[in-house]
Amino acid sequence: MVKTDEAAKEASTNNNDPPKIELSSLKDTIRCTVKRRNKAHQKLWNQKSKNKLQQIKTSLAQNL
């Protein structure tokens, strides 16, 4: 517990700025996350039995 207290004290007194993230890197990360989420949601949509909406719209809209 002493090491934890020392680390917390050091972190609170340290004036280092947080690392900067490039905007393009952040956009790529978000885009990949959204694509993975959409694929997972589409898979659940396809597996759903007795899905009346699927007869109208077989695939979900893409956000990105």
N, C-alpha and C. Protein backbone atom coordinates (compact mmCIF):
# COMPACT_ATOMS: atom_id res chain seq x y z
N MET A 1 0.83 -1.20 0.00
CA MET A 1 0.00 0.00 0.00
C MET A 1 0.87 1.26 0.00
N VAL A 2 2.04 1.17 0.59
CA VAL A 2 2.94 2.32 0.64
C VAL A 2 3.37 2.72 -0.77
N LYS A 3 3.66 1.73 -1.62
CA LYS A 3 4.07 2.02 -3.00
C LYS A 3 2.94 2.73 -3.74
N THR A 4 1.72 2.30 -3.48
CA THR A 4 0.56 2.92 -4.12
C THR A 4 0.44 4.37 -3.70
N ASP A 5 0.60 4.63 -2.42
CA ASP A 5 0.52 6.00 -1.91
C ASP A 5 1.62 6.86 -2.52
N GLU A 6 2.82 6.32 -2.60
CA GLU A 6 3.93 7.07 -3.19
C GLU A 6 3.68 7.38 -4.66
N ALA A 7 3.16 6.39 -5.39
CA ALA A 7 2.87 6.59 -6.81
C ALA A 7 1.78 7.64 -6.99
N ALA A 8 0.77 7.61 -6.14
CA ALA A 8 -0.32 8.60 -6.23
C ALA A 8 0.20 10.00 -5.92
N LYS A 9 1.06 10.10 -4.91
CA LYS A 9 1.63 11.40 -4.55
C LYS A 9 2.50 11.94 -5.68
N GLU A 10 3.30 11.06 -6.27
CA GLU A 10 4.16 11.48 -7.38
C GLU A 10 3.33 11.91 -8.59
N ALA A 11 2.29 11.18 -8.86
CA ALA A 11 1.44 11.52 -10.00
C ALA A 11 0.73 12.84 -9.80
N SER A 12 0.33 13.14 -8.57
CA SER A 12 -0.39 14.38 -8.31
C SER A 12 0.54 15.59 -8.34
N THR A 13 1.82 15.39 -8.04
CA THR A 13 2.76 16.51 -8.06
C THR A 13 3.46 16.66 -9.41
N ASN A 14 3.34 15.66 -10.27
CA ASN A 14 4.00 15.68 -11.57
C ASN A 14 3.19 16.56 -12.52
N ASN A 15 3.83 17.52 -13.14
CA ASN A 15 3.12 18.46 -14.02
C ASN A 15 3.28 18.12 -15.50
N ASN A 16 3.52 16.86 -15.81
CA ASN A 16 3.64 16.46 -17.21
C ASN A 16 2.29 16.54 -17.90
N ASP A 17 2.33 17.02 -19.13
CA ASP A 17 1.10 17.06 -19.93
C ASP A 17 0.78 15.66 -20.42
N PRO A 18 -0.50 15.34 -20.58
CA PRO A 18 -0.86 14.02 -21.12
C PRO A 18 -0.37 13.91 -22.56
N PRO A 19 -0.11 12.71 -23.00
CA PRO A 19 0.38 12.55 -24.39
C PRO A 19 -0.65 13.05 -25.40
N LYS A 20 -0.14 13.66 -26.45
CA LYS A 20 -1.04 14.18 -27.49
C LYS A 20 -1.34 13.06 -28.47
N ILE A 21 -2.58 13.01 -28.89
CA ILE A 21 -3.04 12.00 -29.84
C ILE A 21 -3.35 12.71 -31.15
N GLU A 22 -2.82 12.18 -32.23
CA GLU A 22 -3.11 12.78 -33.53
C GLU A 22 -4.58 12.54 -33.88
N LEU A 23 -5.18 13.53 -34.48
CA LEU A 23 -6.59 13.45 -34.83
C LEU A 23 -6.86 12.31 -35.80
N SER A 24 -5.98 12.11 -36.76
CA SER A 24 -6.18 11.03 -37.74
C SER A 24 -6.15 9.67 -37.06
N SER A 25 -5.28 9.52 -36.08
CA SER A 25 -5.21 8.26 -35.34
C SER A 25 -6.50 8.02 -34.55
N LEU A 26 -7.00 9.07 -33.94
CA LEU A 26 -8.25 8.97 -33.19
C LEU A 26 -9.42 8.62 -34.11
N LYS A 27 -9.47 9.25 -35.28
CA LYS A 27 -10.54 8.98 -36.23
C LYS A 27 -10.49 7.53 -36.70
N ASP A 28 -9.28 7.02 -36.97
CA ASP A 28 -9.14 5.63 -37.40
C ASP A 28 -9.61 4.67 -36.32
N THR A 29 -9.26 4.97 -35.08
CA THR A 29 -9.67 4.13 -33.96
C THR A 29 -11.18 4.11 -33.82
N ILE A 30 -11.80 5.26 -33.92
CA ILE A 30 -13.26 5.35 -33.81
C ILE A 30 -13.92 4.62 -34.97
N ARG A 31 -13.39 4.83 -36.18
CA ARG A 31 -13.96 4.18 -37.37
C ARG A 31 -13.91 2.65 -37.24
N CYS A 32 -12.78 2.12 -36.79
CA CYS A 32 -12.64 0.66 -36.62
C CYS A 32 -13.58 0.14 -35.54
N THR A 33 -13.73 0.90 -34.46
CA THR A 33 -14.62 0.50 -33.38
C THR A 33 -16.06 0.46 -33.86
N VAL A 34 -16.46 1.47 -34.61
CA VAL A 34 -17.84 1.52 -35.13
C VAL A 34 -18.08 0.37 -36.10
N LYS A 35 -17.11 0.06 -36.95
CA LYS A 35 -17.26 -1.04 -37.90
C LYS A 35 -17.43 -2.37 -37.16
N ARG A 36 -16.60 -2.58 -36.12
CA ARG A 36 -16.73 -3.82 -35.34
C ARG A 36 -18.09 -3.90 -34.66
N ARG A 37 -18.54 -2.80 -34.12
CA ARG A 37 -19.84 -2.77 -33.46
C ARG A 37 -20.96 -3.05 -34.44
N ASN A 38 -20.87 -2.45 -35.63
CA ASN A 38 -21.90 -2.66 -36.65
C ASN A 38 -21.94 -4.11 -37.10
N LYS A 39 -20.75 -4.72 -37.27
CA LYS A 39 -20.71 -6.14 -37.67
C LYS A 39 -21.35 -7.02 -36.61
N ALA A 40 -21.04 -6.74 -35.34
CA ALA A 40 -21.61 -7.53 -34.25
C ALA A 40 -23.13 -7.36 -34.20
N HIS A 41 -23.60 -6.12 -34.37
CA HIS A 41 -25.03 -5.86 -34.34
C HIS A 41 -25.74 -6.52 -35.53
N GLN A 42 -25.09 -6.46 -36.71
CA GLN A 42 -25.66 -7.09 -37.91
C GLN A 42 -25.76 -8.59 -37.70
N LYS A 43 -24.75 -9.19 -37.08
CA LYS A 43 -24.76 -10.64 -36.82
C LYS A 43 -25.95 -11.00 -35.92
N LEU A 44 -26.16 -10.20 -34.87
CA LEU A 44 -27.31 -10.45 -33.98
C LEU A 44 -28.63 -10.28 -34.75
N TRP A 45 -28.68 -9.25 -35.60
CA TRP A 45 -29.88 -8.97 -36.40
C TRP A 45 -30.19 -10.16 -37.31
N ASN A 46 -29.15 -10.73 -37.93
CA ASN A 46 -29.34 -11.85 -38.84
C ASN A 46 -29.77 -13.13 -38.10
N GLN A 47 -29.32 -13.30 -36.87
CA GLN A 47 -29.62 -14.51 -36.11
C GLN A 47 -31.00 -14.47 -35.46
N LYS A 48 -31.57 -13.30 -35.37
CA LYS A 48 -32.86 -13.14 -34.70
C LYS A 48 -33.95 -13.86 -35.47
N SER A 49 -34.63 -14.76 -34.82
CA SER A 49 -35.75 -15.44 -35.47
C SER A 49 -37.03 -14.64 -35.23
N LYS A 50 -37.96 -14.78 -36.11
CA LYS A 50 -39.23 -14.05 -36.04
C LYS A 50 -39.02 -12.55 -36.03
N ASN A 51 -38.09 -12.09 -36.84
CA ASN A 51 -37.80 -10.67 -36.94
C ASN A 51 -38.58 -10.10 -38.12
N LYS A 52 -39.71 -9.47 -37.82
CA LYS A 52 -40.58 -8.93 -38.88
C LYS A 52 -39.92 -7.76 -39.61
N LEU A 53 -39.09 -7.00 -38.92
CA LEU A 53 -38.44 -5.87 -39.57
C LEU A 53 -37.40 -6.31 -40.59
N GLN A 54 -36.85 -7.49 -40.41
CA GLN A 54 -35.83 -7.97 -41.33
C GLN A 54 -36.40 -8.21 -42.73
N GLN A 55 -37.69 -8.50 -42.80
CA GLN A 55 -38.34 -8.66 -44.10
C GLN A 55 -38.35 -7.33 -44.86
N ILE A 56 -38.40 -6.22 -44.13
CA ILE A 56 -38.43 -4.90 -44.73
C ILE A 56 -37.02 -4.42 -45.04
N LYS A 57 -36.13 -4.62 -44.07
CA LYS A 57 -34.76 -4.12 -44.22
C LYS A 57 -33.80 -5.23 -43.77
N THR A 58 -33.10 -5.83 -44.72
CA THR A 58 -32.25 -6.98 -44.38
C THR A 58 -30.93 -6.59 -43.77
N SER A 59 -30.44 -5.40 -44.06
CA SER A 59 -29.17 -4.98 -43.46
C SER A 59 -29.36 -3.65 -42.74
N LEU A 60 -28.56 -3.48 -41.73
CA LEU A 60 -28.65 -2.25 -40.92
C LEU A 60 -27.86 -1.14 -41.59
N ALA A 61 -28.22 0.11 -41.32
CA ALA A 61 -27.54 1.27 -41.89
C ALA A 61 -26.14 1.38 -41.31
N GLN A 62 -25.21 1.83 -42.13
CA GLN A 62 -23.84 2.05 -41.70
C GLN A 62 -23.67 3.49 -41.22
N ASN A 63 -22.99 3.65 -40.10
CA ASN A 63 -22.77 5.00 -39.56
C ASN A 63 -21.60 5.70 -40.21
N LEU A 64 -20.55 4.94 -40.51
CA LEU A 64 -19.35 5.54 -41.11
C LEU A 64 -19.00 4.85 -42.38
